[in-house]
Amino acid sequence: MKEAGLSLTKEYRLLSDSTISKIEKLSKKERTIRLGVIQKDDKEFSEKLKAAFMDARERFFDANDINEEDIISIKKDAIFTTKYCEHQKFGSYINFRPKNKYTSYVYLGKTSSQNKALEFYYGNGKLDVKGISENMLILHDKYMSDIIRTYFRYMEEKSKNETLSYLSKICTKYKWKEMKLGYYREYNTLSQIKFTDDAMYVYDEMDTPSDGIDITYNYFNILIRLIKVSL
């Protein structure tokens, strides 16, 4: 949904015209921040905006005849569906514009109570990840994210056995610490590199760690789970 917060505020007249006018004069980033501050300070506005999001989604579902089985995932301001949706504009300000098209999707879920659920969306060589912030995902781009992109390419272009063989080889190299240190950064919200003891290890991300590195998180929560998905 394009500029969801402001669009819904205007469509459902959740703030005064003068306040909306002041917000519209701000930059896109400043508008988002300003609306966030208002939601924090004005609980009534916050509840009304939540209701507006729900109503807008219902209008979208009804107009496009979307059933539960058509829905992959629902975010606050985005809907991932297997169905082409012809009706995208509602009222004067609500616009559900198409943003991305994907050919594969995998849901790995939560790995702990501290981490968000992991979701992978893949299409035309591009991998989008939900559950890790963009600034943290950059740290994984040449490492674990590259493995996951290759996994999806195998899933779409090769056989099941070839896909499992690829993951098996990666698991073996990973388990024996034959990969660069960057691959061992935990694929989660914090994206930390953890060690197995209190010793001080100074590695470059391009180094191959010989000891002291904790490999368990990505091994069990990413690689082994991807194998289970492929079976």
Protein backbone atom coordinates (compact mmCIF):
# COMPACT_ATOMS: atom_id res chain seq x y z
CA MET A 1 0.00 0.00 0.00
CA LYS A 2 1.57 3.27 -1.10
CA GLU A 3 2.42 5.52 1.88
CA ALA A 4 -0.04 3.51 3.95
CA GLY A 5 -0.02 5.57 7.15
CA LEU A 6 -0.65 8.91 5.49
CA SER A 7 -3.01 7.51 2.85
CA LEU A 8 -5.26 5.89 5.46
CA THR A 9 -5.13 8.95 7.68
CA LYS A 10 -6.41 11.04 4.76
CA GLU A 11 -8.95 8.48 3.53
CA TYR A 12 -10.55 7.96 6.95
CA ARG A 13 -9.96 11.57 8.10
CA LEU A 14 -8.17 10.43 11.25
CA LEU A 15 -6.51 13.81 11.85
CA SER A 16 -7.55 17.40 11.26
CA ASP A 17 -7.06 18.90 7.80
CA SER A 18 -4.51 21.36 9.17
CA THR A 19 -2.44 18.58 10.77
CA ILE A 20 -2.55 16.48 7.60
CA SER A 21 -1.52 19.52 5.56
CA LYS A 22 1.52 20.07 7.79
CA ILE A 23 2.52 16.41 7.53
CA GLU A 24 2.22 16.44 3.73
CA LYS A 25 4.78 19.24 3.51
CA LEU A 26 7.43 17.04 5.13
CA SER A 27 9.78 14.67 3.30
CA LYS A 28 8.70 11.02 3.03
CA LYS A 29 11.01 9.96 5.86
CA GLU A 30 9.89 12.85 8.05
CA ARG A 31 6.22 12.02 7.37
CA THR A 32 6.76 8.46 8.57
CA ILE A 33 8.53 9.66 11.72
CA ARG A 34 5.87 12.29 12.44
CA LEU A 35 3.01 9.80 12.11
CA GLY A 36 4.89 7.40 14.38
CA VAL A 37 5.23 10.09 17.04
CA ILE A 38 1.52 10.92 16.81
CA GLN A 39 0.61 7.24 17.19
CA LYS A 40 2.77 7.03 20.29
CA ASP A 41 1.29 10.15 21.87
CA ASP A 42 -2.33 9.73 20.76
CA LYS A 43 -3.68 6.27 21.59
CA GLU A 44 -7.08 7.02 20.05
CA PHE A 45 -5.46 7.89 16.73
CA SER A 46 -3.29 4.76 16.96
CA GLU A 47 -6.34 2.51 17.45
CA LYS A 48 -8.24 4.19 14.63
CA LEU A 49 -5.27 3.77 12.29
CA LYS A 50 -5.07 0.05 13.14
CA ALA A 51 -8.77 -0.28 12.33
CA ALA A 52 -8.22 1.59 9.06
CA PHE A 53 -5.48 -0.85 8.04
CA MET A 54 -7.83 -3.78 8.72
CA ASP A 55 -10.69 -2.19 6.79
CA ALA A 56 -8.48 -1.36 3.80
CA ARG A 57 -7.23 -4.94 3.63
CA GLU A 58 -10.80 -6.27 3.82
CA ARG A 59 -11.82 -4.01 0.95
CA PHE A 60 -8.87 -5.31 -1.08
CA PHE A 61 -9.73 -8.95 -0.32
CA ASP A 62 -13.41 -8.52 -1.16
CA ALA A 63 -12.84 -6.61 -4.40
CA ASN A 64 -10.34 -9.18 -5.68
CA ASP A 65 -12.19 -12.24 -4.37
CA ILE A 66 -9.16 -13.34 -2.33
CA ASN A 67 -9.64 -16.41 -0.15
CA GLU A 68 -7.43 -17.70 2.64
CA GLU A 69 -5.70 -20.19 0.34
CA ASP A 70 -4.68 -17.31 -1.98
CA ILE A 71 -2.71 -15.54 0.76
CA ILE A 72 0.97 -16.24 1.38
CA SER A 73 1.60 -13.57 3.99
CA ILE A 74 0.09 -10.36 5.34
CA LYS A 75 2.20 -7.51 6.65
CA LYS A 76 0.96 -4.25 8.08
CA ASP A 77 1.03 -2.42 4.74
CA ALA A 78 1.61 -5.28 2.28
CA ILE A 79 -0.15 -8.41 1.09
CA PHE A 80 1.65 -11.34 -0.55
CA THR A 81 -0.74 -13.39 -2.64
CA THR A 82 -0.62 -16.05 -5.35
CA LYS A 83 -3.43 -14.30 -7.21
CA TYR A 84 -3.29 -11.44 -9.69
CA CYS A 85 -5.30 -8.55 -8.24
CA GLU A 86 -6.99 -6.29 -10.75
CA HIS A 87 -8.57 -3.93 -8.20
CA GLN A 88 -5.88 -1.89 -6.48
CA LYS A 89 -7.32 1.57 -5.78
CA PHE A 90 -9.97 2.30 -3.16
CA GLY A 91 -11.54 5.59 -2.22
CA SER A 92 -9.54 8.72 -2.94
CA TYR A 93 -6.20 7.79 -1.41
CA ILE A 94 -5.72 4.03 -0.92
CA ASN A 95 -3.49 2.47 -3.57
CA PHE A 96 -2.30 -1.16 -3.40
CA ARG A 97 0.35 -0.94 -6.09
CA PRO A 98 2.17 -4.10 -7.27
CA LYS A 99 5.76 -3.96 -6.01
CA ASN A 100 7.46 -7.32 -6.51
CA LYS A 101 6.79 -10.61 -8.26
CA TYR A 102 8.21 -13.80 -6.80
CA THR A 103 8.41 -17.37 -8.06
CA SER A 104 9.32 -19.12 -4.77
CA TYR A 105 8.61 -18.69 -1.08
CA VAL A 106 9.90 -20.44 2.06
CA TYR A 107 8.80 -19.84 5.64
CA LEU A 108 11.30 -20.98 8.26
CA GLY A 109 9.54 -19.41 11.23
CA LYS A 110 11.08 -18.34 14.52
CA THR A 111 14.34 -19.77 15.77
CA SER A 112 13.91 -18.31 19.28
CA SER A 113 11.64 -15.94 21.20
CA GLN A 114 14.14 -13.11 20.60
CA ASN A 115 14.19 -13.48 16.82
CA LYS A 116 11.51 -12.67 14.28
CA ALA A 117 10.13 -15.33 11.95
CA LEU A 118 12.26 -15.80 8.83
CA GLU A 119 10.60 -15.66 5.41
CA PHE A 120 12.32 -15.90 2.03
CA TYR A 121 10.86 -14.52 -1.21
CA TYR A 122 12.73 -15.30 -4.43
CA GLY A 123 12.31 -14.30 -8.07
CA ASN A 124 14.60 -13.70 -11.06
CA GLY A 125 17.73 -14.15 -8.97
CA LYS A 126 16.62 -11.69 -6.31
CA LEU A 127 16.20 -12.74 -2.68
CA ASP A 128 14.05 -10.71 -0.28
CA VAL A 129 14.19 -11.63 3.40
CA LYS A 130 11.63 -10.79 6.07
CA GLY A 131 12.69 -11.07 9.70
CA ILE A 132 16.08 -9.34 9.48
CA SER A 133 16.53 -5.59 9.01
CA GLU A 134 18.13 -4.34 5.80
CA ASN A 135 21.20 -2.94 7.57
CA MET A 136 21.89 -6.38 9.06
CA LEU A 137 21.17 -8.25 5.82
CA ILE A 138 24.02 -6.38 4.14
CA LEU A 139 26.41 -8.27 6.44
CA HIS A 140 25.17 -11.59 5.01
CA ASP A 141 25.04 -10.68 1.33
CA LYS A 142 28.20 -12.44 0.16
CA TYR A 143 27.81 -15.25 2.63
CA MET A 144 24.69 -17.02 3.94
CA SER A 145 22.32 -15.01 1.72
CA ASP A 146 24.32 -16.18 -1.29
CA ILE A 147 23.84 -19.81 -0.20
CA ILE A 148 20.09 -19.23 0.12
CA ARG A 149 19.88 -17.58 -3.32
CA THR A 150 21.69 -20.54 -4.85
CA TYR A 151 19.37 -22.91 -3.00
CA PHE A 152 16.32 -21.25 -4.59
CA ARG A 153 17.94 -21.39 -8.02
CA TYR A 154 18.47 -25.11 -7.56
CA MET A 155 14.90 -25.55 -6.34
CA GLU A 156 13.53 -23.88 -9.46
CA GLU A 157 15.93 -25.11 -12.12
CA LYS A 158 17.26 -28.47 -10.96
CA SER A 159 16.00 -31.74 -9.51
CA LYS A 160 15.21 -32.46 -5.88
CA ASN A 161 18.25 -34.73 -5.62
CA GLU A 162 20.55 -32.06 -7.04
CA THR A 163 19.16 -29.53 -4.56
CA LEU A 164 19.71 -31.87 -1.63
CA SER A 165 23.19 -32.71 -2.88
CA TYR A 166 24.07 -29.01 -3.00
CA LEU A 167 22.85 -28.46 0.57
CA SER A 168 24.62 -31.60 1.79
CA LYS A 169 27.96 -30.41 0.40
CA ILE A 170 27.46 -26.99 1.99
CA CYS A 171 26.63 -28.61 5.35
CA THR A 172 29.80 -30.70 5.21
CA LYS A 173 32.03 -27.72 4.47
CA TYR A 174 30.19 -25.67 7.08
CA LYS A 175 30.50 -28.33 9.78
CA TRP A 176 34.23 -28.72 9.19
CA LYS A 177 34.75 -24.93 9.24
CA GLU A 178 36.06 -24.81 5.69
CA MET A 179 34.16 -21.63 4.81
CA LYS A 180 35.00 -17.97 5.33
CA LEU A 181 34.17 -16.46 8.71
CA GLY A 182 31.38 -14.33 7.24
CA TYR A 183 29.33 -17.48 6.61
CA TYR A 184 29.24 -18.14 10.36
CA ARG A 185 27.54 -14.85 11.26
CA GLU A 186 24.20 -15.82 12.79
CA TYR A 187 21.39 -15.30 10.30
CA ASN A 188 19.02 -13.46 12.66
CA THR A 189 18.07 -10.07 14.07
CA LEU A 190 21.38 -9.45 15.85
CA SER A 191 23.60 -11.03 13.17
CA GLN A 192 26.50 -11.69 15.55
CA ILE A 193 29.56 -13.88 15.11
CA LYS A 194 29.80 -15.99 18.26
CA PHE A 195 32.69 -17.93 19.74
CA THR A 196 32.67 -21.07 21.85
CA ASP A 197 34.81 -19.71 24.70
CA ASP A 198 36.13 -16.49 26.22
CA ALA A 199 39.34 -16.42 24.27
CA MET A 200 40.03 -13.42 22.05
CA TYR A 201 39.95 -14.26 18.36
CA VAL A 202 40.83 -11.67 15.75
CA TYR A 203 39.60 -12.76 12.33
CA ASP A 204 38.91 -11.01 9.10
CA GLU A 205 35.59 -12.06 7.54
CA MET A 206 37.52 -13.59 4.67
CA ASP A 207 39.55 -15.80 7.02
CA THR A 208 38.73 -19.48 7.42
CA PRO A 209 38.28 -20.11 11.18
CA SER A 210 40.10 -23.14 12.53
CA ASP A 211 38.75 -23.12 16.06
CA GLY A 212 36.82 -21.11 18.61
CA ILE A 213 33.87 -20.33 16.33
CA ASP A 214 30.31 -21.32 17.23
CA ILE A 215 28.74 -22.84 14.10
CA THR A 216 25.54 -24.20 15.64
CA TYR A 217 23.02 -21.45 14.86
CA ASN A 218 23.18 -21.33 11.07
CA TYR A 219 23.87 -25.04 10.81
CA PHE A 220 20.72 -26.14 12.63
CA ASN A 221 18.38 -23.18 12.08
CA ILE A 222 19.12 -22.40 8.42
CA LEU A 223 20.91 -25.21 6.60
CA ILE A 224 19.24 -28.20 8.25
CA ARG A 225 15.82 -26.51 8.02
CA LEU A 226 16.29 -25.86 4.31
CA ILE A 227 17.10 -29.56 3.84
CA LYS A 228 13.87 -30.48 5.67
CA VAL A 229 11.91 -28.12 3.41
CA SER A 230 13.43 -29.81 0.36
CA LEU A 231 12.63 -33.36 1.40
